[in-house]
Amino acid sequence: MIEHKMTAAEAAKATKVAPEAWPLTVQAYRTLGEMGLIPDNTELLYGQIFQKMSKSPLHSFLHQWLIDALQSHLPPGTYLRVEQPVTCRDSEPEPDLAVVRGGKRDYRQEHPHTAELVIEVCVSSHDYDRSKLRAYAGAGVKEVWLVLAPEKQIEVHRQPMGEQFRQRILHGPGGRLASVAVAGFEIDLDDMFAG
């Protein structure tokens, strides 16, 4: 039996071999979904498929409260999309709410590529929803609200530049919050979080 000891260079090469990830494009994600090869209730983020979380009663309540508040304050020429995709460069997140320019017929052939306002309700998904900020900023979304339910706060991101937002403001508990991107849309945090 002949024993061979690895040199340091051979050992380094052996440890660097790893499986290579092949991220999906938005088009590949859609095609695989249409073929039934991707489970329902997923979204594409940065070329990877993520299973969306189930919704708690608190999430559903806040979601509906915000829909009701937004419906009566939509400026002319905008449309409210609920849990529908926004196509970004390498992602297709499905925000809880998105106010987009145009009307529903404008999106028969393709999803919007940006939004005036995106709202994500975060009951237990803070980190996951924050991970979408890079995609939203890269798509030029003007304003993102992360509704932090347990904290009774709203984290607002504005002024997209590249793949980040230049402005981050934390509102609450209490007080009022007015959207900069959707004129006339203002909420009372105490009312929304009243339990």
N, C-alpha and C. Protein backbone atom coordinates (compact mmCIF):
# COMPACT_ATOMS: atom_id res chain seq x y z
N MET A 1 0.84 -1.17 0.00
CA MET A 1 0.00 0.00 0.00
C MET A 1 0.89 1.24 0.00
N ILE A 2 0.63 2.14 -0.93
CA ILE A 2 1.39 3.38 -1.03
C ILE A 2 0.54 4.50 -0.49
N GLU A 3 1.07 5.23 0.42
CA GLU A 3 0.35 6.34 1.04
C GLU A 3 0.77 7.64 0.36
N HIS A 4 -0.22 8.42 -0.05
CA HIS A 4 0.06 9.72 -0.69
C HIS A 4 -0.51 10.83 0.18
N LYS A 5 0.33 11.75 0.58
CA LYS A 5 -0.12 12.89 1.37
C LYS A 5 -0.38 14.05 0.43
N MET A 6 -1.50 14.70 0.63
CA MET A 6 -1.86 15.86 -0.19
C MET A 6 -0.97 17.04 0.14
N THR A 7 -0.61 17.76 -0.89
CA THR A 7 0.10 19.02 -0.66
C THR A 7 -0.93 20.06 -0.25
N ALA A 8 -0.46 21.18 0.26
CA ALA A 8 -1.36 22.26 0.67
C ALA A 8 -2.16 22.77 -0.52
N ALA A 9 -1.56 22.86 -1.68
CA ALA A 9 -2.26 23.34 -2.88
C ALA A 9 -3.36 22.36 -3.28
N GLU A 10 -3.08 21.06 -3.21
CA GLU A 10 -4.09 20.05 -3.56
C GLU A 10 -5.25 20.10 -2.57
N ALA A 11 -4.94 20.28 -1.31
CA ALA A 11 -5.98 20.34 -0.29
C ALA A 11 -6.87 21.57 -0.50
N ALA A 12 -6.27 22.70 -0.85
CA ALA A 12 -7.05 23.92 -1.09
C ALA A 12 -7.98 23.74 -2.28
N LYS A 13 -7.48 23.10 -3.35
CA LYS A 13 -8.32 22.85 -4.52
C LYS A 13 -9.48 21.93 -4.16
N ALA A 14 -9.23 20.92 -3.38
CA ALA A 14 -10.26 19.94 -3.01
C ALA A 14 -11.37 20.59 -2.19
N THR A 15 -11.04 21.56 -1.34
CA THR A 15 -12.07 22.18 -0.50
C THR A 15 -12.85 23.25 -1.23
N LYS A 16 -12.36 23.75 -2.37
CA LYS A 16 -13.06 24.81 -3.10
C LYS A 16 -14.12 24.29 -4.04
N VAL A 17 -14.18 23.01 -4.25
CA VAL A 17 -15.17 22.44 -5.15
C VAL A 17 -16.51 22.43 -4.43
N ALA A 18 -17.48 23.10 -5.03
CA ALA A 18 -18.81 23.18 -4.44
C ALA A 18 -19.82 23.22 -5.56
N PRO A 19 -21.05 22.79 -5.29
CA PRO A 19 -22.07 22.87 -6.33
C PRO A 19 -22.31 24.33 -6.71
N GLU A 20 -22.56 24.54 -7.96
CA GLU A 20 -22.79 25.88 -8.47
C GLU A 20 -24.30 26.15 -8.53
N ALA A 21 -24.71 27.30 -8.02
CA ALA A 21 -26.12 27.68 -8.08
C ALA A 21 -26.41 28.29 -9.44
N TRP A 22 -27.56 27.95 -10.00
CA TRP A 22 -27.99 28.49 -11.28
C TRP A 22 -29.27 29.27 -11.04
N PRO A 23 -29.17 30.57 -10.84
CA PRO A 23 -30.38 31.35 -10.55
C PRO A 23 -31.34 31.36 -11.74
N LEU A 24 -32.61 31.43 -11.41
CA LEU A 24 -33.65 31.49 -12.44
C LEU A 24 -33.86 32.93 -12.90
N THR A 25 -34.14 33.09 -14.17
CA THR A 25 -34.58 34.38 -14.67
C THR A 25 -36.07 34.50 -14.38
N VAL A 26 -36.58 35.71 -14.49
CA VAL A 26 -38.01 35.92 -14.30
C VAL A 26 -38.79 35.10 -15.33
N GLN A 27 -38.34 35.08 -16.57
CA GLN A 27 -39.03 34.33 -17.62
C GLN A 27 -39.01 32.83 -17.35
N ALA A 28 -37.88 32.30 -16.89
CA ALA A 28 -37.80 30.86 -16.57
C ALA A 28 -38.73 30.53 -15.41
N TYR A 29 -38.79 31.39 -14.42
CA TYR A 29 -39.68 31.20 -13.27
C TYR A 29 -41.13 31.13 -13.73
N ARG A 30 -41.52 32.06 -14.60
CA ARG A 30 -42.90 32.06 -15.11
C ARG A 30 -43.19 30.80 -15.93
N THR A 31 -42.26 30.44 -16.80
CA THR A 31 -42.45 29.26 -17.65
C THR A 31 -42.60 28.01 -16.81
N LEU A 32 -41.72 27.83 -15.83
CA LEU A 32 -41.81 26.65 -14.96
C LEU A 32 -43.11 26.66 -14.16
N GLY A 33 -43.55 27.84 -13.75
CA GLY A 33 -44.82 27.95 -13.04
C GLY A 33 -46.00 27.56 -13.91
N GLU A 34 -45.99 28.04 -15.17
CA GLU A 34 -47.08 27.69 -16.09
C GLU A 34 -47.11 26.20 -16.39
N MET A 35 -45.95 25.54 -16.32
CA MET A 35 -45.87 24.09 -16.56
C MET A 35 -46.25 23.30 -15.31
N GLY A 36 -46.51 23.99 -14.20
CA GLY A 36 -46.87 23.32 -12.95
C GLY A 36 -45.68 22.75 -12.21
N LEU A 37 -44.48 23.21 -12.51
CA LEU A 37 -43.27 22.67 -11.89
C LEU A 37 -42.80 23.47 -10.68
N ILE A 38 -43.50 24.55 -10.38
CA ILE A 38 -43.19 25.35 -9.20
C ILE A 38 -44.44 25.37 -8.33
N PRO A 39 -44.29 25.11 -7.04
CA PRO A 39 -45.47 25.11 -6.16
C PRO A 39 -46.16 26.46 -6.14
N ASP A 40 -47.45 26.44 -5.81
CA ASP A 40 -48.19 27.68 -5.64
C ASP A 40 -47.63 28.43 -4.43
N ASN A 41 -48.02 29.69 -4.32
CA ASN A 41 -47.69 30.51 -3.17
C ASN A 41 -46.19 30.72 -3.01
N THR A 42 -45.53 31.02 -4.13
CA THR A 42 -44.10 31.30 -4.10
C THR A 42 -43.85 32.66 -4.75
N GLU A 43 -42.64 33.15 -4.58
CA GLU A 43 -42.21 34.35 -5.30
C GLU A 43 -40.73 34.22 -5.59
N LEU A 44 -40.30 34.91 -6.63
CA LEU A 44 -38.91 34.86 -7.07
C LEU A 44 -38.17 36.09 -6.53
N LEU A 45 -37.10 35.82 -5.79
CA LEU A 45 -36.27 36.91 -5.26
C LEU A 45 -34.81 36.62 -5.60
N TYR A 46 -34.21 37.50 -6.39
CA TYR A 46 -32.80 37.41 -6.73
C TYR A 46 -32.44 36.07 -7.36
N GLY A 47 -33.34 35.57 -8.21
CA GLY A 47 -33.09 34.33 -8.93
C GLY A 47 -33.42 33.07 -8.15
N GLN A 48 -33.92 33.19 -6.93
CA GLN A 48 -34.27 32.03 -6.11
C GLN A 48 -35.76 32.04 -5.79
N ILE A 49 -36.31 30.84 -5.67
CA ILE A 49 -37.74 30.69 -5.37
C ILE A 49 -37.92 30.58 -3.86
N PHE A 50 -38.84 31.38 -3.33
CA PHE A 50 -39.14 31.34 -1.90
C PHE A 50 -40.61 31.03 -1.70
N GLN A 51 -40.89 30.16 -0.74
CA GLN A 51 -42.26 29.85 -0.35
C GLN A 51 -42.77 31.01 0.50
N LYS A 52 -43.92 31.56 0.15
CA LYS A 52 -44.50 32.65 0.92
C LYS A 52 -45.07 32.10 2.23
N MET A 53 -45.07 32.95 3.24
CA MET A 53 -45.55 32.54 4.56
C MET A 53 -47.07 32.57 4.61
N SER A 54 -47.63 31.75 5.49
CA SER A 54 -49.08 31.81 5.70
C SER A 54 -49.41 33.10 6.46
N LYS A 55 -50.66 33.50 6.40
CA LYS A 55 -51.07 34.78 6.98
C LYS A 55 -51.83 34.56 8.29
N SER A 56 -51.38 35.25 9.31
CA SER A 56 -52.05 35.19 10.60
C SER A 56 -53.30 36.06 10.56
N PRO A 57 -54.21 35.90 11.53
CA PRO A 57 -55.38 36.78 11.57
C PRO A 57 -54.98 38.26 11.67
N LEU A 58 -53.93 38.58 12.43
CA LEU A 58 -53.49 39.97 12.53
C LEU A 58 -53.00 40.48 11.18
N HIS A 59 -52.25 39.68 10.46
CA HIS A 59 -51.80 40.07 9.12
C HIS A 59 -53.01 40.36 8.23
N SER A 60 -53.98 39.46 8.23
CA SER A 60 -55.16 39.63 7.38
C SER A 60 -55.95 40.88 7.77
N PHE A 61 -56.08 41.14 9.06
CA PHE A 61 -56.79 42.34 9.52
C PHE A 61 -56.10 43.60 9.01
N LEU A 62 -54.78 43.71 9.24
CA LEU A 62 -54.04 44.90 8.83
C LEU A 62 -54.05 45.06 7.31
N HIS A 63 -53.94 43.96 6.62
CA HIS A 63 -53.98 43.96 5.15
C HIS A 63 -55.30 44.55 4.66
N GLN A 64 -56.42 44.06 5.21
CA GLN A 64 -57.74 44.55 4.79
C GLN A 64 -57.95 46.00 5.21
N TRP A 65 -57.48 46.36 6.40
CA TRP A 65 -57.60 47.74 6.88
C TRP A 65 -56.91 48.69 5.90
N LEU A 66 -55.71 48.31 5.45
CA LEU A 66 -54.96 49.15 4.52
C LEU A 66 -55.62 49.21 3.14
N ILE A 67 -56.19 48.10 2.69
CA ILE A 67 -56.92 48.10 1.41
C ILE A 67 -58.07 49.10 1.48
N ASP A 68 -58.85 49.00 2.56
CA ASP A 68 -59.99 49.91 2.72
C ASP A 68 -59.54 51.37 2.75
N ALA A 69 -58.45 51.64 3.47
CA ALA A 69 -57.95 53.02 3.57
C ALA A 69 -57.43 53.52 2.23
N LEU A 70 -56.73 52.67 1.50
CA LEU A 70 -56.17 53.09 0.21
C LEU A 70 -57.23 53.27 -0.87
N GLN A 71 -58.23 52.41 -0.90
CA GLN A 71 -59.24 52.47 -1.96
C GLN A 71 -59.88 53.85 -2.08
N SER A 72 -60.10 54.50 -0.96
CA SER A 72 -60.78 55.79 -1.00
C SER A 72 -59.81 56.96 -1.24
N HIS A 73 -58.52 56.68 -1.36
CA HIS A 73 -57.55 57.75 -1.54
C HIS A 73 -56.67 57.58 -2.79
N LEU A 74 -57.07 56.70 -3.68
CA LEU A 74 -56.25 56.49 -4.88
C LEU A 74 -56.38 57.69 -5.82
N PRO A 75 -55.26 58.30 -6.18
CA PRO A 75 -55.33 59.41 -7.13
C PRO A 75 -55.75 58.90 -8.51
N PRO A 76 -56.34 59.76 -9.32
CA PRO A 76 -56.68 59.36 -10.70
C PRO A 76 -55.42 58.89 -11.42
N GLY A 77 -55.59 57.87 -12.25
CA GLY A 77 -54.46 57.35 -13.01
C GLY A 77 -53.62 56.34 -12.27
N THR A 78 -54.11 55.90 -11.08
CA THR A 78 -53.40 54.85 -10.34
C THR A 78 -54.36 53.70 -10.07
N TYR A 79 -53.77 52.57 -9.72
CA TYR A 79 -54.53 51.34 -9.52
C TYR A 79 -53.91 50.58 -8.36
N LEU A 80 -54.75 49.98 -7.52
CA LEU A 80 -54.29 49.19 -6.38
C LEU A 80 -54.23 47.72 -6.76
N ARG A 81 -53.04 47.13 -6.66
CA ARG A 81 -52.85 45.70 -6.90
C ARG A 81 -52.64 45.02 -5.55
N VAL A 82 -53.35 43.92 -5.34
CA VAL A 82 -53.31 43.20 -4.07
C VAL A 82 -52.66 41.84 -4.29
N GLU A 83 -51.50 41.63 -3.64
CA GLU A 83 -50.76 40.37 -3.72
C GLU A 83 -50.52 39.94 -5.16
N GLN A 84 -50.12 40.87 -6.00
CA GLN A 84 -49.82 40.61 -7.40
C GLN A 84 -48.37 40.98 -7.68
N PRO A 85 -47.75 40.32 -8.66
CA PRO A 85 -46.32 40.54 -8.91
C PRO A 85 -45.96 41.94 -9.40
N VAL A 86 -44.77 42.33 -9.02
CA VAL A 86 -44.07 43.48 -9.58
C VAL A 86 -42.78 42.90 -10.16
N THR A 87 -42.57 43.09 -11.45
CA THR A 87 -41.40 42.50 -12.10
C THR A 87 -40.20 43.41 -11.93
N CYS A 88 -39.18 42.88 -11.30
CA CYS A 88 -37.91 43.58 -11.10
C CYS A 88 -36.85 42.87 -11.95
N ARG A 89 -35.63 43.34 -11.91
CA ARG A 89 -34.58 42.80 -12.77
C ARG A 89 -34.46 41.27 -12.64
N ASP A 90 -34.21 40.77 -11.44
CA ASP A 90 -34.02 39.33 -11.24
C ASP A 90 -34.98 38.78 -10.19
N SER A 91 -36.09 39.48 -10.01
CA SER A 91 -37.06 39.12 -8.97
C SER A 91 -38.47 39.40 -9.45
N GLU A 92 -39.41 38.72 -8.83
CA GLU A 92 -40.82 39.01 -9.08
C GLU A 92 -41.57 38.85 -7.75
N PRO A 93 -41.31 39.80 -6.81
CA PRO A 93 -42.01 39.72 -5.53
C PRO A 93 -43.49 40.02 -5.71
N GLU A 94 -44.28 39.57 -4.75
CA GLU A 94 -45.72 39.82 -4.74
C GLU A 94 -46.06 40.57 -3.46
N PRO A 95 -45.90 41.90 -3.48
CA PRO A 95 -46.16 42.67 -2.26
C PRO A 95 -47.62 42.55 -1.83
N ASP A 96 -47.84 42.76 -0.53
CA ASP A 96 -49.22 42.73 -0.04
C ASP A 96 -50.07 43.74 -0.79
N LEU A 97 -49.54 44.95 -0.97
CA LEU A 97 -50.25 45.99 -1.70
C LEU A 97 -49.26 46.78 -2.55
N ALA A 98 -49.70 47.18 -3.73
CA ALA A 98 -48.88 48.04 -4.58
C ALA A 98 -49.79 49.01 -5.32
N VAL A 99 -49.48 50.28 -5.21
CA VAL A 99 -50.18 51.30 -5.98
C VAL A 99 -49.31 51.58 -7.21
N VAL A 100 -49.89 51.34 -8.38
CA VAL A 100 -49.15 51.49 -9.63
C VAL A 100 -49.84 52.51 -10.52
N ARG A 101 -49.10 53.06 -11.46
CA ARG A 101 -49.67 53.98 -12.45
C ARG A 101 -50.47 53.19 -13.46
N GLY A 102 -51.54 53.79 -13.96
CA GLY A 102 -52.37 53.14 -14.98
C GLY A 102 -53.58 52.46 -14.38
N GLY A 103 -54.17 51.57 -15.16
CA GLY A 103 -55.35 50.83 -14.74
C GLY A 103 -55.14 49.34 -14.94
N LYS A 104 -56.11 48.54 -14.52
CA LYS A 104 -55.93 47.09 -14.59
C LYS A 104 -55.70 46.58 -16.01
N ARG A 105 -56.30 47.20 -17.00
CA ARG A 105 -56.12 46.75 -18.39
C ARG A 105 -54.68 46.98 -18.89
N ASP A 106 -53.98 47.90 -18.26
CA ASP A 106 -52.59 48.16 -18.66
C ASP A 106 -51.68 46.97 -18.33
N TYR A 107 -52.14 46.06 -17.50
CA TYR A 107 -51.30 44.95 -17.05
C TYR A 107 -51.83 43.60 -17.51
N ARG A 108 -52.50 43.59 -18.64
CA ARG A 108 -53.00 42.32 -19.20
C ARG A 108 -51.86 41.49 -19.78
N GLN A 109 -50.85 42.14 -20.34
CA GLN A 109 -49.76 41.44 -21.03
C GLN A 109 -48.51 41.28 -20.18
N GLU A 110 -48.29 42.19 -19.27
CA GLU A 110 -47.13 42.07 -18.38
C GLU A 110 -47.38 42.80 -17.07
N HIS A 111 -46.68 42.35 -16.04
CA HIS A 111 -46.81 42.97 -14.72
C HIS A 111 -46.10 44.32 -14.71
N PRO A 112 -46.50 45.19 -13.79
CA PRO A 112 -45.78 46.46 -13.69
C PRO A 112 -44.31 46.21 -13.31
N HIS A 113 -43.47 47.13 -13.72
CA HIS A 113 -42.04 47.02 -13.43
C HIS A 113 -41.62 47.97 -12.31
N THR A 114 -42.55 48.72 -11.78
CA THR A 114 -42.30 49.61 -10.65
C THR A 114 -43.64 49.90 -9.98
N ALA A 115 -43.61 50.72 -8.94
CA ALA A 115 -44.83 51.12 -8.23
C ALA A 115 -44.59 52.47 -7.58
N GLU A 116 -45.68 53.15 -7.32
CA GLU A 116 -45.60 54.40 -6.57
C GLU A 116 -45.37 54.08 -5.09
N LEU A 117 -46.16 53.11 -4.60
CA LEU A 117 -46.10 52.72 -3.19
C LEU A 117 -46.26 51.21 -3.09
N VAL A 118 -45.40 50.58 -2.31
CA VAL A 118 -45.51 49.16 -1.98
C VAL A 118 -45.67 49.06 -0.47
N ILE A 119 -46.61 48.22 -0.02
CA ILE A 119 -46.80 47.99 1.41
C ILE A 119 -46.67 46.49 1.69
N GLU A 120 -45.81 46.16 2.65
CA GLU A 120 -45.66 44.79 3.13
C GLU A 120 -46.05 44.77 4.60
N VAL A 121 -46.97 43.87 4.97
CA VAL A 121 -47.37 43.71 6.37
C VAL A 121 -46.46 42.65 6.98
N CYS A 122 -45.79 43.02 8.07
CA CYS A 122 -44.81 42.13 8.71
C CYS A 122 -45.28 41.78 10.12
N VAL A 123 -45.77 40.57 10.28
CA VAL A 123 -46.12 40.10 11.62
C VAL A 123 -44.95 39.29 12.17
N SER A 124 -44.44 38.37 11.36
CA SER A 124 -43.27 37.58 11.76
C SER A 124 -42.26 37.49 10.62
N SER A 125 -42.43 38.31 9.60
CA SER A 125 -41.61 38.20 8.39
C SER A 125 -40.71 39.42 8.16
N HIS A 126 -40.33 40.10 9.23
CA HIS A 126 -39.56 41.34 9.11
C HIS A 126 -38.32 41.18 8.22
N ASP A 127 -37.48 40.21 8.53
CA ASP A 127 -36.23 40.05 7.77
C ASP A 127 -36.50 39.69 6.32
N TYR A 128 -37.45 38.80 6.10
CA TYR A 128 -37.78 38.39 4.73
C TYR A 128 -38.29 39.58 3.93
N ASP A 129 -39.20 40.36 4.50
CA ASP A 129 -39.74 41.51 3.77
C ASP A 129 -38.67 42.59 3.57
N ARG A 130 -37.77 42.75 4.53
CA ARG A 130 -36.67 43.71 4.34
C ARG A 130 -35.73 43.25 3.22
N SER A 131 -35.63 41.94 3.03
CA SER A 131 -34.74 41.43 1.97
C SER A 131 -35.24 41.84 0.58
N LYS A 132 -36.51 42.20 0.46
CA LYS A 132 -37.06 42.62 -0.83
C LYS A 132 -36.72 44.08 -1.18
N LEU A 133 -36.24 44.83 -0.22
CA LEU A 133 -36.00 46.26 -0.43
C LEU A 133 -35.03 46.51 -1.59
N ARG A 134 -34.01 45.68 -1.71
CA ARG A 134 -33.04 45.86 -2.80
C ARG A 134 -33.72 45.74 -4.15
N ALA A 135 -34.63 44.76 -4.29
CA ALA A 135 -35.37 44.59 -5.56
C ALA A 135 -36.28 45.79 -5.81
N TYR A 136 -36.99 46.24 -4.78
CA TYR A 136 -37.89 47.38 -4.95
C TYR A 136 -37.12 48.65 -5.31
N ALA A 137 -36.00 48.89 -4.64
CA ALA A 137 -35.20 50.08 -4.96
C ALA A 137 -34.67 49.99 -6.39
N GLY A 138 -34.17 48.83 -6.78
CA GLY A 138 -33.66 48.65 -8.14
C GLY A 138 -34.72 48.86 -9.20
N ALA A 139 -35.98 48.60 -8.85
CA ALA A 139 -37.09 48.79 -9.78
C ALA A 139 -37.62 50.22 -9.75
N GLY A 140 -37.06 51.04 -8.89
CA GLY A 140 -37.49 52.44 -8.82
C GLY A 140 -38.79 52.68 -8.08
N VAL A 141 -39.19 51.74 -7.21
CA VAL A 141 -40.39 51.96 -6.40
C VAL A 141 -40.16 53.21 -5.56
N LYS A 142 -41.09 54.13 -5.59
CA LYS A 142 -40.88 55.43 -4.95
C LYS A 142 -40.91 55.37 -3.43
N GLU A 143 -41.77 54.48 -2.89
CA GLU A 143 -41.96 54.45 -1.44
C GLU A 143 -42.36 53.04 -1.03
N VAL A 144 -41.75 52.54 0.05
CA VAL A 144 -42.10 51.22 0.60
C VAL A 144 -42.42 51.39 2.08
N TRP A 145 -43.56 50.83 2.48
CA TRP A 145 -43.93 50.80 3.89
C TRP A 145 -43.83 49.35 4.38
N LEU A 146 -43.06 49.13 5.43
CA LEU A 146 -43.05 47.84 6.12
C LEU A 146 -43.86 48.05 7.39
N VAL A 147 -45.03 47.44 7.45
CA VAL A 147 -45.93 47.60 8.60
C VAL A 147 -45.50 46.56 9.64
N LEU A 148 -44.82 47.02 10.68
CA LEU A 148 -44.26 46.16 11.72
C LEU A 148 -45.32 45.96 12.81
N ALA A 149 -46.12 44.95 12.64
CA ALA A 149 -47.30 44.76 13.49
C ALA A 149 -46.98 44.62 14.97
N PRO A 150 -46.06 43.72 15.38
CA PRO A 150 -45.81 43.59 16.82
C PRO A 150 -45.33 44.88 17.48
N GLU A 151 -44.59 45.68 16.74
CA GLU A 151 -44.04 46.92 17.28
C GLU A 151 -44.99 48.10 17.15
N LYS A 152 -46.08 47.92 16.38
CA LYS A 152 -47.05 48.98 16.09
C LYS A 152 -46.35 50.19 15.46
N GLN A 153 -45.47 49.87 14.50
CA GLN A 153 -44.70 50.89 13.80
C GLN A 153 -44.74 50.64 12.30
N ILE A 154 -44.38 51.67 11.55
CA ILE A 154 -44.23 51.53 10.10
C ILE A 154 -42.86 52.07 9.72
N GLU A 155 -42.10 51.22 9.06
CA GLU A 155 -40.77 51.58 8.58
C GLU A 155 -40.93 52.03 7.12
N VAL A 156 -40.59 53.28 6.85
CA VAL A 156 -40.81 53.86 5.52
C VAL A 156 -39.46 54.03 4.82
N HIS A 157 -39.43 53.57 3.58
CA HIS A 157 -38.22 53.70 2.74
C HIS A 157 -38.59 54.52 1.51
N ARG A 158 -37.76 55.55 1.23
CA ARG A 158 -38.00 56.44 0.10
C ARG A 158 -36.68 56.77 -0.60
N GLN A 159 -36.81 57.41 -1.74
CA GLN A 159 -35.67 57.89 -2.53
C GLN A 159 -34.77 56.74 -3.00
N PRO A 160 -35.30 55.90 -3.90
CA PRO A 160 -34.48 54.80 -4.41
C PRO A 160 -33.28 55.33 -5.20
N MET A 161 -32.14 54.69 -4.97
CA MET A 161 -30.93 55.01 -5.73
C MET A 161 -30.16 53.71 -5.90
N GLY A 162 -30.07 53.26 -7.15
CA GLY A 162 -29.43 51.96 -7.37
C GLY A 162 -30.28 50.88 -6.73
N GLU A 163 -29.66 50.07 -5.89
CA GLU A 163 -30.39 48.98 -5.22
C GLU A 163 -30.61 49.26 -3.74
N GLN A 164 -30.71 50.53 -3.39
CA GLN A 164 -31.02 50.86 -2.00
C GLN A 164 -31.85 52.13 -1.93
N PHE A 165 -32.44 52.35 -0.78
CA PHE A 165 -33.20 53.57 -0.53
C PHE A 165 -32.33 54.50 0.30
N ARG A 166 -32.34 55.77 -0.07
CA ARG A 166 -31.52 56.74 0.66
C ARG A 166 -32.17 57.19 1.95
N GLN A 167 -33.48 57.04 2.06
CA GLN A 167 -34.17 57.52 3.25
C GLN A 167 -34.90 56.37 3.93
N ARG A 168 -34.72 56.27 5.25
CA ARG A 168 -35.44 55.29 6.08
C ARG A 168 -35.94 56.04 7.31
N ILE A 169 -37.25 56.00 7.53
CA ILE A 169 -37.86 56.69 8.67
C ILE A 169 -38.77 55.70 9.39
N LEU A 170 -38.68 55.67 10.70
CA LEU A 170 -39.53 54.80 11.51
C LEU A 170 -40.63 55.65 12.15
N HIS A 171 -41.89 55.27 11.91
CA HIS A 171 -43.05 55.99 12.45
C HIS A 171 -43.73 55.13 13.51
N GLY A 172 -44.15 55.76 14.60
CA GLY A 172 -44.93 55.08 15.62
C GLY A 172 -44.07 54.62 16.78
N PRO A 173 -44.73 54.02 17.77
CA PRO A 173 -46.18 53.86 17.87
C PRO A 173 -46.90 55.22 17.95
N GLY A 174 -48.10 55.20 17.47
CA GLY A 174 -48.94 56.40 17.46
C GLY A 174 -48.57 57.36 16.36
N GLY A 175 -49.38 58.40 16.25
CA GLY A 175 -49.14 59.44 15.26
C GLY A 175 -49.81 59.15 13.93
N ARG A 176 -49.52 60.03 12.98
CA ARG A 176 -50.09 59.91 11.64
C ARG A 176 -48.94 59.75 10.65
N LEU A 177 -49.24 59.09 9.55
CA LEU A 177 -48.25 58.89 8.49
C LEU A 177 -48.91 59.22 7.16
N ALA A 178 -48.27 60.11 6.40
CA ALA A 178 -48.77 60.48 5.07
C ALA A 178 -47.78 59.97 4.03
N SER A 179 -48.31 59.40 2.99
CA SER A 179 -47.47 58.94 1.88
C SER A 179 -47.00 60.14 1.08
N VAL A 180 -45.77 60.09 0.65
CA VAL A 180 -45.24 61.11 -0.24
C VAL A 180 -45.58 60.74 -1.68
N ALA A 181 -45.59 59.45 -1.98
CA ALA A 181 -45.80 58.97 -3.35
C ALA A 181 -47.27 58.95 -3.77
N VAL A 182 -48.17 58.76 -2.81
CA VAL A 182 -49.61 58.70 -3.12
C VAL A 182 -50.27 59.87 -2.41
N ALA A 183 -50.41 60.96 -3.14
CA ALA A 183 -50.96 62.19 -2.57
C ALA A 183 -52.34 61.95 -1.96
N GLY A 184 -52.53 62.45 -0.74
CA GLY A 184 -53.81 62.34 -0.06
C GLY A 184 -53.97 61.09 0.79
N PHE A 185 -53.03 60.16 0.69
CA PHE A 185 -53.13 58.94 1.51
C PHE A 185 -52.40 59.15 2.82
N GLU A 186 -53.19 59.16 3.90
CA GLU A 186 -52.65 59.38 5.24
C GLU A 186 -53.39 58.46 6.20
N ILE A 187 -52.65 57.87 7.14
CA ILE A 187 -53.29 56.97 8.10
C ILE A 187 -52.96 57.38 9.52
N ASP A 188 -53.84 56.98 10.44
CA ASP A 188 -53.66 57.18 11.86
C ASP A 188 -53.19 55.84 12.42
N LEU A 189 -51.95 55.79 12.91
CA LEU A 189 -51.39 54.51 13.39
C LEU A 189 -52.15 53.97 14.58
N ASP A 190 -52.62 54.85 15.49
CA ASP A 190 -53.39 54.38 16.65
C ASP A 190 -54.66 53.67 16.19
N ASP A 191 -55.33 54.24 15.19
CA ASP A 191 -56.55 53.63 14.68
C ASP A 191 -56.26 52.28 14.02
N MET A 192 -55.22 52.24 13.21
CA MET A 192 -54.90 51.00 12.50
C MET A 192 -54.51 49.88 13.47
N PHE A 193 -53.72 50.22 14.48
CA PHE A 193 -53.23 49.17 15.39
C PHE A 193 -54.13 48.97 16.60
N ALA A 194 -55.26 49.69 16.69
CA ALA A 194 -56.16 49.54 17.84
C ALA A 194 -56.64 48.10 17.92
N GLY A 195 -56.59 47.55 19.08
CA GLY A 195 -56.99 46.15 19.20
C GLY A 195 -57.93 45.99 20.28
